[in-house]
Every structure is written in structure tokens, then in C-alpha cells.
Amino acid sequence: MDNHRIIVGVEGSGYAREALIWAIKEAEIRKSLIEVVTVYSPTYAPASPDLGYVPLDSYDLLTEIENMQSDVIESALAASNNPDVEIRRTLLKGRAADMLLKVAKGADLLVVGNRGRGGFSGLRLGSVSQSISHHSPCPLVIVRTGLNEDPNSSDE
């Protein structure tokens, strides 16, 4: 089943959850594995006057990211009536667009929400869907939803 993969970018927003729900339904039809990918930026802390800043990936940060990813997966599975779909969980450090494009090589689909509103600093996808739309190594699905977490923004 590993030769049929659907990659889903998840950063904690309702948009990402809706994208994962869509991907779960698609994976049932295609008999595909879903790889849920969460990308985070390292946190930098001052080390010393000579060294400047060094990456600090605290255990708490990674635990929180893993918990967020698990919560989104469990919620999406429940909303999809808990189908028998294999889900692989991946956490990567770096820029969301770059990492998603890298992981999507050889995949059947890359799925993201149309917007990102991460609850963790450094996890916001922002315009990732726009960035990856020009360079995706596989078919890209951008799941649009009726969600409107920012009443001051207008959807086109």
C-alpha cells in the first residue's frame, strides 16, 4: 500500500482538519496511505555573546506539536466515521512549502487547506498553498472550506 500515498499538510487549523477529512475519504476510494505532515520552525535562543542564537527544540515544543497533530488526526477520523485508513505521522523542521514539496515526491496527491491559521508560532502555513501550487511534484488538491476564522478577511 506504500506505493499509493496521499500527503496532507496539517498545522492545527480548521482548514487543515477539513483538508485531512477530504483526504481520508479520497484514501478510502484509492486504497491509499495518508501521510500527515506537520512542519515547524526551530525556536532560537541566545547561547552566548560569541555564539549568537542557536536552535532550541525543546521536548515540550515537540510534544505539543505531536499532540496537536494527533488531535487533528483523531478529530478528522471521527468526522469521517473512523474508516480503516492507514495514517503515517511525520514531523519535519524547516519551511512548510519546501518540506511539503520534498515529501510529496512520488506521492499520488498533495492536499492542503486553502488557508492556514496555526495555533503555534512558527507553524502557520500562511500562503503555503500558493507557494506549492507552482512547484508540486504531484497533483495538488487545495481544499476550500466555508470556514471563516477571520471575519475581517474576504474570500474570493
Protein backbone atom coordinates (compact mmCIF):
# COMPACT_ATOMS: atom_id res chain seq x y z
CA MET A 1 0.00 0.00 0.00
CA ASP A 2 3.04 2.26 0.39
CA ASN A 3 3.13 2.89 -3.35
CA HIS A 4 -0.14 4.87 -3.05
CA ARG A 5 0.40 7.88 -0.78
CA ILE A 6 -1.62 10.99 -0.10
CA ILE A 7 0.37 13.71 1.67
CA VAL A 8 -1.63 16.12 3.84
CA GLY A 9 -0.13 19.28 5.36
CA VAL A 10 -1.51 19.81 8.87
CA GLU A 11 -0.67 22.79 11.10
CA GLY A 12 -3.53 22.83 13.59
CA SER A 13 -6.13 24.94 11.82
CA GLY A 14 -9.69 24.06 10.98
CA TYR A 15 -8.68 24.41 7.34
CA ALA A 16 -6.07 21.67 7.72
CA ARG A 17 -8.63 19.47 9.52
CA GLU A 18 -11.05 19.86 6.61
CA ALA A 19 -8.26 19.02 4.16
CA LEU A 20 -7.49 15.87 6.16
CA ILE A 21 -11.17 14.85 6.21
CA TRP A 22 -11.24 15.23 2.41
CA ALA A 23 -8.03 13.20 2.09
CA ILE A 24 -9.35 10.41 4.33
CA LYS A 25 -12.39 10.00 2.06
CA GLU A 26 -10.14 10.02 -1.00
CA ALA A 27 -7.77 7.47 0.58
CA GLU A 28 -10.71 5.11 1.13
CA ILE A 29 -11.54 5.25 -2.57
CA ARG A 30 -7.93 4.97 -3.74
CA LYS A 31 -6.87 2.44 -1.07
CA SER A 32 -4.02 4.79 -0.18
CA LEU A 33 -1.86 5.51 2.82
CA ILE A 34 -2.19 9.02 4.26
CA GLU A 35 0.97 10.73 5.41
CA VAL A 36 0.11 13.63 7.72
CA VAL A 37 3.00 16.10 7.60
CA THR A 38 3.45 18.86 10.15
CA VAL A 39 6.31 21.27 9.56
CA TYR A 40 7.68 23.50 12.29
CA SER A 41 10.36 26.14 12.53
CA PRO A 42 13.10 25.78 15.12
CA THR A 43 12.98 28.11 18.07
CA TYR A 44 16.16 30.13 18.53
CA ALA A 45 17.60 31.02 21.92
CA PRO A 46 20.61 33.17 22.80
CA ALA A 47 23.57 30.94 23.60
CA SER A 48 26.33 33.39 24.44
CA PRO A 49 27.62 36.70 23.13
CA ASP A 50 30.08 34.87 20.87
CA LEU A 51 27.76 32.19 19.53
CA GLY A 52 24.68 34.32 18.97
CA TYR A 53 21.49 32.31 18.64
CA VAL A 54 21.25 28.53 18.47
CA PRO A 55 18.24 26.35 17.60
CA LEU A 56 16.34 25.18 20.64
CA ASP A 57 13.92 22.34 20.01
CA SER A 58 12.64 21.72 23.47
CA TYR A 59 10.97 18.48 24.39
CA ASP A 60 7.86 20.48 25.32
CA LEU A 61 7.63 22.09 21.87
CA LEU A 62 7.87 18.75 20.05
CA THR A 63 5.40 17.16 22.46
CA GLU A 64 2.93 20.00 21.88
CA ILE A 65 3.30 19.67 18.10
CA GLU A 66 2.81 15.89 18.27
CA ASN A 67 -0.27 16.38 20.48
CA MET A 68 -1.73 18.96 18.09
CA GLN A 69 -1.15 16.67 15.12
CA SER A 70 -2.75 13.74 16.96
CA ASP A 71 -5.76 15.86 17.94
CA VAL A 72 -6.33 16.92 14.32
CA ILE A 73 -5.97 13.32 13.09
CA GLU A 74 -8.35 11.92 15.73
CA SER A 75 -10.91 14.66 15.04
CA ALA A 76 -10.75 14.12 11.27
CA LEU A 77 -11.04 10.34 11.64
CA ALA A 78 -14.06 10.73 13.91
CA ALA A 79 -15.69 13.15 11.43
CA SER A 80 -15.07 10.56 8.69
CA ASN A 81 -16.67 7.74 10.72
CA ASN A 82 -13.31 6.18 11.59
CA PRO A 83 -12.55 4.40 8.31
CA ASP A 84 -9.85 1.75 8.05
CA VAL A 85 -7.21 4.04 6.56
CA GLU A 86 -3.51 3.76 7.38
CA ILE A 87 -2.07 7.05 8.63
CA ARG A 88 1.64 7.82 8.90
CA ARG A 89 2.65 10.79 11.07
CA THR A 90 5.62 12.93 10.05
CA LEU A 91 7.13 15.95 11.83
CA LEU A 92 9.71 17.97 9.93
CA LYS A 93 11.77 21.02 10.77
CA GLY A 94 12.01 23.72 8.11
CA ARG A 95 9.85 25.85 5.82
CA ALA A 96 6.39 24.36 5.28
CA ALA A 97 6.31 24.76 1.49
CA ASP A 98 9.81 23.34 0.99
CA MET A 99 9.25 20.34 3.23
CA LEU A 100 5.82 19.50 1.78
CA LEU A 101 7.22 19.58 -1.75
CA LYS A 102 10.09 17.31 -0.70
CA VAL A 103 7.82 14.75 0.98
CA ALA A 104 5.35 14.84 -1.94
CA LYS A 105 7.87 13.46 -4.44
CA GLY A 106 6.46 10.16 -5.64
CA ALA A 107 3.10 10.68 -3.91
CA ASP A 108 -0.26 10.37 -5.65
CA LEU A 109 -1.62 13.60 -4.18
CA LEU A 110 -0.60 16.54 -2.03
CA VAL A 111 -3.50 18.01 -0.04
CA VAL A 112 -3.60 21.27 1.92
CA GLY A 113 -6.26 23.64 3.19
CA ASN A 114 -6.87 26.88 1.39
CA ARG A 115 -5.65 28.87 4.39
CA GLY A 116 -3.56 28.24 7.47
CA ARG A 117 -4.08 29.53 10.97
CA GLY A 118 -1.73 27.59 13.21
CA GLY A 119 -2.05 27.86 16.96
CA PHE A 120 1.72 27.65 17.41
CA SER A 121 4.21 30.33 16.48
CA GLY A 122 6.21 29.13 13.51
CA LEU A 123 3.59 26.63 12.35
CA ARG A 124 1.41 28.99 10.34
CA LEU A 125 1.13 27.80 6.79
CA GLY A 126 0.14 31.24 5.59
CA SER A 127 0.42 31.20 1.81
CA VAL A 128 1.80 27.67 1.56
CA SER A 129 -0.97 26.59 -0.80
CA GLN A 130 0.01 29.40 -3.14
CA SER A 131 3.73 28.62 -2.86
CA ILE A 132 3.36 24.92 -3.60
CA SER A 133 0.81 25.34 -6.38
CA HIS A 134 3.57 26.25 -8.85
CA HIS A 135 6.04 23.52 -7.93
CA SER A 136 4.12 20.47 -6.70
CA PRO A 137 5.76 17.23 -7.91
CA CYS A 138 2.36 15.50 -7.92
CA PRO A 139 -1.30 16.52 -8.33
CA LEU A 140 -2.24 19.13 -5.74
CA VAL A 141 -5.61 19.48 -4.05
CA ILE A 142 -6.35 22.70 -2.19
CA VAL A 143 -9.44 22.06 -0.10
CA ARG A 144 -11.61 25.16 0.14
CA THR A 145 -13.98 25.32 3.06
CA GLY A 146 -16.73 27.56 4.30
CA LEU A 147 -14.68 28.26 7.41
CA ASN A 148 -14.13 31.91 8.19
CA GLU A 149 -11.92 32.27 11.23
CA ASP A 150 -11.19 35.93 10.43
CA PRO A 151 -14.37 37.98 9.94
CA ASN A 152 -12.29 40.89 8.61
CA SER A 153 -10.96 38.93 5.64
CA SER A 154 -12.83 38.44 2.40
CA ASP A 155 -12.79 35.21 0.41
CA GLU A 156 -12.72 35.45 -3.36
